[in-house]
Amino acid sequence: MARLGGFEAAPRLAVGVSGGADSLALTLLAHDWAAARGGSVLALTVDHALRPAAAEEAAQVAAWLAARGIAHAVLRWEGAKPASGIQAAARAARHALLAERCRAEGILHLLLAHHRDDQAETVLLRLARGSGVDGLAGMAPVRWDADVRILRPLLDVPHAALEATCRSHGQPWIEDPSNRSPAYARGRLRAAADALAGEGLEAERLCDTARRAGRARAALEELTAGLLARAATLYPEGWIRLDPAPLAAAPEELGLRALARILACVGGAPYAPRAERLERLYEEVRAGLRAGRTLGGCRVAPRRGALAVTREPDAADERLTLVPGGRVWWDRRFTVALPPDAPGPLTVARLGAGGWRRLAAGHPALRALDLPEPARAALPALWKEGDLTGVPALPIPGLGTAANGAARFTPSAPLAGPAFPVVKAGACII
Protein backbone atom coordinates (compact mmCIF):
# COMPACT_ATOMS: atom_id res chain seq x y z
CA MET A 1 0.00 0.00 0.00
CA ALA A 2 2.90 2.35 0.67
CA ARG A 3 3.97 1.99 -2.96
CA LEU A 4 0.53 3.10 -4.15
CA GLY A 5 0.65 6.28 -2.05
CA GLY A 6 -1.77 9.18 -1.99
CA PHE A 7 -3.91 8.26 1.03
CA GLU A 8 -5.55 10.59 3.52
CA ALA A 9 -4.54 10.50 7.20
CA ALA A 10 -7.43 8.17 8.12
CA PRO A 11 -7.91 6.31 4.85
CA ARG A 12 -11.35 5.18 3.76
CA LEU A 13 -11.20 2.28 1.33
CA ALA A 14 -13.67 0.27 -0.68
CA VAL A 15 -12.85 -3.30 -1.69
CA GLY A 16 -14.56 -5.31 -4.39
CA VAL A 17 -15.18 -8.73 -2.84
CA SER A 18 -16.70 -11.66 -4.71
CA GLY A 19 -16.35 -14.25 -1.96
CA GLY A 20 -13.32 -15.95 -3.49
CA ALA A 21 -10.05 -16.39 -1.65
CA ASP A 22 -8.34 -13.50 -3.47
CA SER A 23 -10.87 -10.80 -2.69
CA LEU A 24 -11.52 -12.00 0.86
CA ALA A 25 -7.78 -11.99 1.58
CA LEU A 26 -7.54 -8.47 0.20
CA THR A 27 -10.49 -7.38 2.35
CA LEU A 28 -8.88 -8.77 5.51
CA LEU A 29 -5.50 -7.21 4.72
CA ALA A 30 -7.03 -3.85 3.79
CA HIS A 31 -9.15 -3.83 6.95
CA ASP A 32 -6.08 -4.37 9.15
CA TRP A 33 -4.09 -1.75 7.23
CA ALA A 34 -6.82 0.90 7.38
CA ALA A 35 -7.73 0.22 11.02
CA ALA A 36 -4.10 0.68 12.07
CA ARG A 37 -4.31 4.21 10.60
CA GLY A 38 -7.69 5.14 12.03
CA GLY A 39 -9.45 4.45 8.74
CA SER A 40 -12.13 2.02 7.58
CA VAL A 41 -13.08 -0.39 4.82
CA LEU A 42 -16.37 -0.87 2.97
CA ALA A 43 -16.58 -4.24 1.22
CA LEU A 44 -18.78 -4.28 -1.90
CA THR A 45 -20.17 -7.40 -3.54
CA VAL A 46 -21.79 -7.19 -6.97
CA ASP A 47 -24.59 -9.66 -7.62
CA HIS A 48 -24.76 -9.91 -11.41
CA ALA A 49 -28.02 -11.90 -11.20
CA LEU A 50 -26.56 -14.40 -13.68
CA ARG A 51 -26.45 -17.48 -11.40
CA PRO A 52 -29.20 -18.68 -9.04
CA ALA A 53 -26.67 -19.09 -6.23
CA ALA A 54 -25.27 -15.54 -6.52
CA ALA A 55 -27.64 -13.92 -4.02
CA GLU A 56 -27.02 -16.68 -1.47
CA GLU A 57 -23.25 -16.32 -1.90
CA ALA A 58 -23.47 -12.55 -1.40
CA ALA A 59 -25.41 -13.11 1.82
CA GLN A 60 -22.72 -15.55 2.99
CA VAL A 61 -19.99 -12.95 2.35
CA ALA A 62 -22.01 -10.37 4.27
CA ALA A 63 -22.32 -12.75 7.25
CA TRP A 64 -18.58 -13.57 7.25
CA LEU A 65 -17.58 -9.91 7.17
CA ALA A 66 -20.20 -8.81 9.72
CA ALA A 67 -18.67 -11.29 12.17
CA ARG A 68 -15.36 -9.47 11.71
CA GLY A 69 -16.88 -5.99 12.06
CA ILE A 70 -16.29 -5.08 8.40
CA ALA A 71 -19.00 -3.01 6.71
CA HIS A 72 -20.46 -4.65 3.61
CA ALA A 73 -23.03 -3.89 0.91
CA VAL A 74 -24.47 -5.86 -2.01
CA LEU A 75 -24.91 -4.11 -5.36
CA ARG A 76 -27.23 -5.81 -7.85
CA TRP A 77 -26.99 -5.59 -11.63
CA GLU A 78 -30.60 -4.99 -12.60
CA GLY A 79 -32.22 -5.05 -16.02
CA ALA A 80 -31.94 -7.15 -19.16
CA LYS A 81 -28.65 -8.93 -19.88
CA PRO A 82 -27.06 -9.08 -23.35
CA ALA A 83 -27.31 -12.29 -25.37
CA SER A 84 -23.61 -12.13 -26.30
CA GLY A 85 -20.46 -10.66 -24.78
CA ILE A 86 -21.82 -11.32 -21.32
CA GLN A 87 -18.42 -11.30 -19.59
CA ALA A 88 -17.49 -7.88 -20.98
CA ALA A 89 -20.94 -6.51 -20.15
CA ALA A 90 -20.74 -7.90 -16.61
CA ARG A 91 -17.30 -6.29 -16.11
CA ALA A 92 -18.60 -2.92 -17.29
CA ALA A 93 -21.68 -3.17 -15.07
CA ARG A 94 -19.58 -4.22 -12.07
CA HIS A 95 -17.19 -1.32 -12.54
CA ALA A 96 -20.05 1.19 -12.88
CA LEU A 97 -21.82 -0.09 -9.75
CA LEU A 98 -18.66 -0.06 -7.66
CA ALA A 99 -17.60 3.42 -8.82
CA GLU A 100 -21.07 4.87 -8.23
CA ARG A 101 -21.24 3.49 -4.67
CA CYS A 102 -17.77 4.88 -3.93
CA ARG A 103 -18.88 8.30 -5.17
CA ALA A 104 -22.03 8.15 -3.05
CA GLU A 105 -19.99 7.22 0.03
CA GLY A 106 -17.25 9.79 -0.62
CA ILE A 107 -14.62 7.04 -0.88
CA LEU A 108 -11.66 7.85 -3.12
CA HIS A 109 -9.90 4.46 -3.27
CA LEU A 110 -11.36 1.25 -4.72
CA LEU A 111 -9.20 -1.85 -4.22
CA LEU A 112 -9.43 -4.83 -6.56
CA ALA A 113 -7.90 -8.23 -5.91
CA HIS A 114 -6.15 -8.96 -9.22
CA HIS A 115 -2.95 -10.84 -8.40
CA ARG A 116 0.20 -12.12 -10.07
CA ASP A 117 -1.50 -15.07 -11.77
CA ASP A 118 -4.22 -12.78 -13.16
CA GLN A 119 -1.56 -10.45 -14.52
CA ALA A 120 0.26 -13.36 -16.19
CA GLU A 121 -2.99 -14.55 -17.81
CA THR A 122 -3.71 -11.03 -19.03
CA VAL A 123 -0.30 -10.85 -20.74
CA LEU A 124 -0.83 -14.26 -22.38
CA LEU A 125 -4.31 -13.35 -23.63
CA ARG A 126 -3.08 -10.07 -25.08
CA LEU A 127 -0.08 -11.77 -26.64
CA ALA A 128 -2.45 -14.23 -28.33
CA ARG A 129 -4.44 -11.28 -29.73
CA GLY A 130 -1.32 -9.66 -31.17
CA SER A 131 -1.17 -6.77 -28.69
CA GLY A 132 1.71 -4.35 -28.76
CA VAL A 133 3.46 -2.60 -25.89
CA ASP A 134 0.25 -1.22 -24.38
CA GLY A 135 -1.43 -4.61 -24.14
CA LEU A 136 1.64 -6.46 -22.91
CA ALA A 137 1.95 -3.96 -20.05
CA GLY A 138 -1.01 -5.78 -18.49
CA MET A 139 -3.00 -4.19 -15.70
CA ALA A 140 -1.77 -1.05 -13.96
CA PRO A 141 -1.52 -1.04 -10.15
CA VAL A 142 -3.13 2.43 -10.13
CA ARG A 143 -5.77 3.79 -12.49
CA TRP A 144 -7.60 7.09 -12.17
CA ASP A 145 -11.30 7.04 -12.93
CA ALA A 146 -13.75 9.93 -12.93
CA ASP A 147 -14.86 9.33 -9.33
CA VAL A 148 -12.34 6.97 -7.79
CA ARG A 149 -8.76 5.77 -7.81
CA ILE A 150 -8.66 2.08 -8.71
CA LEU A 151 -5.87 0.24 -6.89
CA ARG A 152 -4.52 -3.27 -7.41
CA PRO A 153 -2.08 -3.79 -4.53
CA LEU A 154 -1.67 -7.55 -5.10
CA LEU A 155 -0.28 -7.69 -8.64
CA ASP A 156 3.00 -9.21 -7.46
CA VAL A 157 1.35 -11.66 -4.99
CA PRO A 158 0.56 -15.23 -6.18
CA HIS A 159 -2.90 -16.74 -5.78
CA ALA A 160 -1.53 -19.46 -3.49
CA ALA A 161 -0.33 -16.84 -1.00
CA LEU A 162 -3.81 -15.34 -0.84
CA GLU A 163 -5.40 -18.71 -0.13
CA ALA A 164 -2.79 -19.16 2.63
CA THR A 165 -3.75 -15.73 4.01
CA CYS A 166 -7.39 -16.80 4.27
CA ARG A 167 -6.44 -20.05 5.97
CA SER A 168 -4.26 -18.22 8.48
CA HIS A 169 -7.24 -16.01 9.38
CA GLY A 170 -9.60 -18.99 9.59
CA GLN A 171 -11.58 -17.50 6.70
CA PRO A 172 -13.52 -19.87 4.38
CA TRP A 173 -14.12 -18.82 0.78
CA ILE A 174 -16.38 -19.63 -2.15
CA GLU A 175 -15.07 -21.37 -5.26
CA ASP A 176 -16.56 -19.98 -8.46
CA PRO A 177 -16.89 -22.88 -10.93
CA SER A 178 -16.61 -20.49 -13.89
CA ASN A 179 -12.97 -19.80 -12.94
CA ARG A 180 -12.05 -23.25 -14.32
CA SER A 181 -14.64 -23.49 -17.04
CA PRO A 182 -13.24 -24.32 -20.49
CA ALA A 183 -15.96 -22.09 -21.92
CA TYR A 184 -13.81 -19.08 -21.03
CA ALA A 185 -10.30 -18.26 -22.23
CA ARG A 186 -8.95 -17.76 -18.70
CA GLY A 187 -10.29 -21.16 -17.65
CA ARG A 188 -8.50 -22.81 -20.57
CA LEU A 189 -5.27 -21.03 -19.69
CA ARG A 190 -5.49 -22.19 -16.07
CA ALA A 191 -5.94 -25.77 -17.24
CA ALA A 192 -2.78 -25.40 -19.33
CA ALA A 193 -0.74 -23.58 -16.67
CA ASP A 194 1.67 -26.44 -15.95
CA ALA A 195 2.39 -27.06 -19.63
CA LEU A 196 2.98 -23.34 -20.22
CA ALA A 197 5.31 -23.11 -17.24
CA GLY A 198 7.28 -26.04 -18.66
CA GLU A 199 7.93 -23.93 -21.75
CA GLY A 200 9.14 -20.97 -19.68
CA LEU A 201 5.83 -19.11 -19.60
CA GLU A 202 5.45 -19.15 -15.84
CA ALA A 203 3.68 -16.34 -14.00
CA GLU A 204 6.80 -14.62 -12.68
CA ARG A 205 8.40 -14.31 -16.11
CA LEU A 206 5.19 -13.08 -17.72
CA CYS A 207 4.80 -10.44 -15.00
CA ASP A 208 8.38 -9.31 -15.63
CA THR A 209 7.38 -8.85 -19.27
CA ALA A 210 4.42 -6.74 -18.17
CA ARG A 211 6.68 -4.60 -15.99
CA ARG A 212 9.13 -3.94 -18.82
CA ALA A 213 6.36 -3.23 -21.33
CA GLY A 214 4.76 -0.93 -18.76
CA ARG A 215 8.00 1.03 -18.51
CA ALA A 216 7.98 1.56 -22.28
CA ARG A 217 4.29 2.44 -22.27
CA ALA A 218 4.78 5.04 -19.52
CA ALA A 219 7.51 6.76 -21.56
CA LEU A 220 5.42 6.73 -24.74
CA GLU A 221 2.40 8.16 -22.94
CA GLU A 222 4.47 11.03 -21.57
CA LEU A 223 5.78 11.86 -25.05
CA THR A 224 2.27 11.57 -26.49
CA ALA A 225 0.92 13.99 -23.89
CA GLY A 226 3.58 16.50 -24.91
CA LEU A 227 2.58 16.16 -28.57
CA LEU A 228 -1.10 16.62 -27.71
CA ALA A 229 -0.28 19.77 -25.77
CA ARG A 230 1.18 21.23 -28.97
CA ALA A 231 -1.40 19.92 -31.43
CA ALA A 232 -4.82 19.72 -29.75
CA THR A 233 -7.12 22.29 -28.17
CA LEU A 234 -9.97 20.74 -26.20
CA TYR A 235 -13.22 22.67 -25.80
CA PRO A 236 -15.76 22.16 -22.99
CA GLU A 237 -18.47 21.36 -25.53
CA GLY A 238 -16.60 18.11 -26.23
CA TRP A 239 -14.73 18.80 -29.49
CA ILE A 240 -11.09 19.30 -30.40
CA ARG A 241 -9.33 21.70 -32.76
CA LEU A 242 -6.39 19.74 -34.16
CA ASP A 243 -3.34 21.35 -35.74
CA PRO A 244 -2.09 18.61 -38.09
CA ALA A 245 1.44 20.04 -38.47
CA PRO A 246 2.82 18.75 -35.12
CA LEU A 247 1.27 15.33 -35.82
CA ALA A 248 2.88 15.21 -39.26
CA ALA A 249 6.28 16.17 -37.85
CA ALA A 250 6.20 13.64 -34.99
CA PRO A 251 7.47 10.05 -35.16
CA GLU A 252 4.74 7.84 -36.58
CA GLU A 253 4.16 5.90 -33.36
CA LEU A 254 3.59 9.10 -31.37
CA GLY A 255 1.36 10.56 -34.06
CA LEU A 256 -0.79 7.45 -34.15
CA ARG A 257 -1.06 7.41 -30.38
CA ALA A 258 -2.05 11.07 -30.28
CA LEU A 259 -4.72 10.58 -32.95
CA ALA A 260 -6.09 7.51 -31.16
CA ARG A 261 -6.28 9.51 -27.91
CA ILE A 262 -8.17 12.31 -29.62
CA LEU A 263 -10.71 9.92 -31.12
CA ALA A 264 -11.18 8.10 -27.80
CA CYS A 265 -11.67 11.36 -25.92
CA VAL A 266 -14.18 12.91 -28.33
CA GLY A 267 -15.94 9.71 -29.38
CA GLY A 268 -16.35 8.07 -25.99
CA ALA A 269 -15.88 4.65 -27.60
CA PRO A 270 -14.93 1.83 -25.19
CA TYR A 271 -12.40 0.43 -27.69
CA ALA A 272 -9.82 1.97 -29.99
CA PRO A 273 -10.47 1.79 -33.76
CA ARG A 274 -8.77 -0.97 -35.71
CA ALA A 275 -5.11 -0.28 -36.35
CA GLU A 276 -5.39 -0.32 -40.14
CA ARG A 277 -8.24 2.22 -40.15
CA LEU A 278 -6.39 4.47 -37.71
CA GLU A 279 -3.23 4.29 -39.83
CA ARG A 280 -5.21 5.15 -42.96
CA LEU A 281 -6.75 8.24 -41.34
CA TYR A 282 -3.36 9.27 -39.92
CA GLU A 283 -1.79 9.16 -43.38
CA GLU A 284 -4.61 11.34 -44.72
CA VAL A 285 -4.11 13.83 -41.89
CA ARG A 286 -0.37 13.98 -42.60
CA ALA A 287 -1.01 14.47 -46.32
CA GLY A 288 -3.51 17.27 -45.67
CA LEU A 289 -7.05 16.04 -45.12
CA ARG A 290 -9.37 17.74 -47.62
CA ALA A 291 -12.71 16.05 -46.92
CA GLY A 292 -14.49 14.89 -43.81
CA ARG A 293 -13.90 11.38 -42.46
CA THR A 294 -15.56 9.33 -39.70
CA LEU A 295 -13.82 6.94 -37.35
CA GLY A 296 -14.30 5.79 -33.77
CA GLY A 297 -17.66 7.54 -33.45
CA CYS A 298 -16.05 10.83 -34.50
CA ARG A 299 -16.14 13.13 -37.48
CA VAL A 300 -12.81 14.66 -38.58
CA ALA A 301 -13.12 17.56 -41.03
CA PRO A 302 -11.14 20.61 -42.19
CA ARG A 303 -12.08 23.85 -40.43
CA ARG A 304 -10.35 27.22 -40.74
CA GLY A 305 -6.86 25.95 -41.47
CA ALA A 306 -7.02 23.13 -38.93
CA LEU A 307 -9.15 20.05 -38.29
CA ALA A 308 -12.28 19.85 -36.14
CA VAL A 309 -12.73 16.52 -34.38
CA THR A 310 -16.33 16.21 -33.23
CA ARG A 311 -18.67 13.49 -32.06
CA GLU A 312 -20.65 11.87 -34.86
CA PRO A 313 -24.17 13.08 -33.94
CA ASP A 314 -26.02 9.98 -35.14
CA ALA A 315 -23.78 7.81 -32.93
CA ALA A 316 -24.75 9.78 -29.80
CA ASP A 317 -28.06 7.93 -29.52
CA GLU A 318 -28.23 7.22 -25.78
CA ARG A 319 -31.39 8.27 -23.94
CA LEU A 320 -31.29 8.44 -20.15
CA THR A 321 -33.81 9.50 -17.52
CA LEU A 322 -32.63 12.25 -15.16
CA VAL A 323 -34.52 13.07 -11.97
CA PRO A 324 -34.26 16.25 -9.86
CA GLY A 325 -31.19 16.06 -7.63
CA GLY A 326 -29.72 13.29 -9.79
CA ARG A 327 -26.93 12.99 -12.29
CA VAL A 328 -26.16 10.69 -15.22
CA TRP A 329 -23.16 9.94 -17.40
CA TRP A 330 -24.43 10.40 -20.92
CA ASP A 331 -22.82 8.97 -24.08
CA ARG A 332 -19.66 8.18 -22.07
CA ARG A 333 -18.80 11.88 -22.49
CA PHE A 334 -20.89 14.24 -20.36
CA THR A 335 -21.91 14.23 -16.72
CA VAL A 336 -25.33 15.88 -16.62
CA ALA A 337 -26.97 16.92 -13.35
CA LEU A 338 -30.18 18.55 -12.15
CA PRO A 339 -30.54 20.45 -8.86
CA PRO A 340 -33.17 19.21 -6.40
CA ASP A 341 -35.55 22.07 -7.26
CA ALA A 342 -35.54 21.33 -11.00
CA PRO A 343 -38.63 20.08 -12.81
CA GLY A 344 -38.50 16.46 -13.77
CA PRO A 345 -38.04 13.73 -14.55
CA LEU A 346 -36.44 14.64 -17.90
CA THR A 347 -34.83 12.69 -20.72
CA VAL A 348 -31.20 13.34 -21.64
CA ALA A 349 -30.69 12.86 -25.38
CA ARG A 350 -28.71 14.57 -28.15
CA LEU A 351 -29.70 18.08 -29.19
CA GLY A 352 -29.68 17.23 -32.89
CA ALA A 353 -29.85 19.65 -35.80
CA GLY A 354 -33.57 20.22 -35.30
CA GLY A 355 -33.12 20.93 -31.61
CA TRP A 356 -30.39 23.48 -32.37
CA ARG A 357 -32.63 25.31 -34.88
CA ARG A 358 -35.40 25.45 -32.29
CA LEU A 359 -32.99 26.68 -29.61
CA ALA A 360 -31.36 29.32 -31.83
CA ALA A 361 -34.76 30.60 -32.95
CA GLY A 362 -35.71 31.27 -29.34
CA HIS A 363 -32.27 32.59 -28.34
CA PRO A 364 -30.64 34.25 -31.38
CA ALA A 365 -27.56 35.27 -29.34
CA LEU A 366 -26.49 31.62 -29.32
CA ARG A 367 -25.77 31.84 -33.07
CA ALA A 368 -22.59 33.74 -32.16
CA LEU A 369 -21.16 30.64 -30.45
CA ASP A 370 -18.21 29.35 -32.45
CA LEU A 371 -19.21 25.69 -32.49
CA PRO A 372 -18.89 23.23 -35.39
CA GLU A 373 -22.32 21.99 -36.46
CA PRO A 374 -21.70 18.32 -35.47
CA ALA A 375 -20.47 19.40 -32.03
CA ARG A 376 -23.70 21.34 -31.47
CA ALA A 377 -25.89 18.48 -32.64
CA ALA A 378 -24.10 15.97 -30.37
CA LEU A 379 -24.53 18.01 -27.18
CA PRO A 380 -26.69 16.56 -24.38
CA ALA A 381 -30.11 18.19 -24.20
CA LEU A 382 -33.01 17.94 -21.76
CA TRP A 383 -36.36 16.85 -23.18
CA LYS A 384 -39.86 16.57 -21.73
CA GLU A 385 -42.34 14.64 -23.86
CA GLY A 386 -40.70 15.84 -27.07
CA ASP A 387 -40.24 19.43 -25.93
CA LEU A 388 -36.72 20.85 -25.53
CA THR A 389 -36.34 22.26 -22.01
CA GLY A 390 -32.61 22.92 -21.74
CA VAL A 391 -29.09 22.36 -23.06
CA PRO A 392 -26.94 22.25 -19.92
CA ALA A 393 -23.62 22.54 -21.78
CA LEU A 394 -24.61 25.94 -23.23
CA PRO A 395 -25.21 29.28 -21.45
CA ILE A 396 -28.83 29.87 -22.44
CA PRO A 397 -29.83 33.48 -21.68
CA GLY A 398 -32.37 33.81 -18.91
CA LEU A 399 -32.33 30.11 -18.06
CA GLY A 400 -30.78 29.30 -14.68
CA THR A 401 -29.37 26.02 -13.43
CA ALA A 402 -32.71 24.97 -11.96
CA ALA A 403 -34.20 24.79 -15.46
CA ASN A 404 -31.13 24.24 -17.64
CA GLY A 405 -29.23 21.83 -15.39
CA ALA A 406 -25.46 21.54 -15.54
CA ALA A 407 -23.12 19.50 -17.74
CA ARG A 408 -19.39 18.80 -17.67
CA PHE A 409 -17.36 17.10 -20.36
CA THR A 410 -16.06 14.01 -18.55
CA PRO A 411 -14.99 11.57 -21.27
CA SER A 412 -14.26 7.95 -20.52
CA ALA A 413 -10.78 8.47 -22.01
CA PRO A 414 -9.27 11.84 -21.06
CA LEU A 415 -7.15 13.50 -23.71
CA ALA A 416 -4.10 13.03 -21.52
CA GLY A 417 -3.74 11.97 -17.93
CA PRO A 418 -1.30 10.32 -15.55
CA ALA A 419 1.13 8.10 -17.38
CA PHE A 420 0.69 4.33 -17.16
CA PRO A 421 2.14 3.55 -13.70
CA VAL A 422 4.54 0.70 -13.06
CA VAL A 423 5.39 -0.76 -9.64
CA LYS A 424 9.13 -1.19 -9.24
CA ALA A 425 10.46 -4.12 -7.30
CA GLY A 426 11.78 -1.67 -4.71
CA ALA A 427 9.19 0.57 -3.14
CA CYS A 428 7.77 3.07 -5.56
CA ILE A 429 5.75 3.67 -8.70
CA ILE A 430 7.14 5.15 -11.89
Foldseek 3Di string as FASTA:
>chain_A
DLQVDDADQQAEEEEEAQQALQRVLVQVVVQVVNVVRNYAYEYEYEQAVPDPCRVVSQVVVCVLVVVVVHHYDYHYDDDDADPPPRVVVSVVSVVVRVLVVCQVVVHAEYEYRAALVNQLLQLVVCVVVVDDLVSLLGDFQWDDFPRHIYGHPHHHPDPVVSNVSCVVVVHDGDDDVVCLDPVDPNNVCVVCQVVCVVVVSHSVVSNVSSQVSQVVQLVLQVVLVVLCVVFWDADFLQKIWGALVSLLPDPVVSSLVLQQLRLCQRALDPDTWDPVVSVVVNVCSNVPPDAWDDDSQWIWHDDDNTIMIHGQLVVQADKDWAAAQGWDCGSLWKIWHAHNLADDRWIKGFCAPVNVVVLCVVQVVCVPDPDPPRSNRNQIFTHDPRDTFERQSDDRPPDDCSGHTHMGTRHRRDSGDNGRWHRDPPRYID
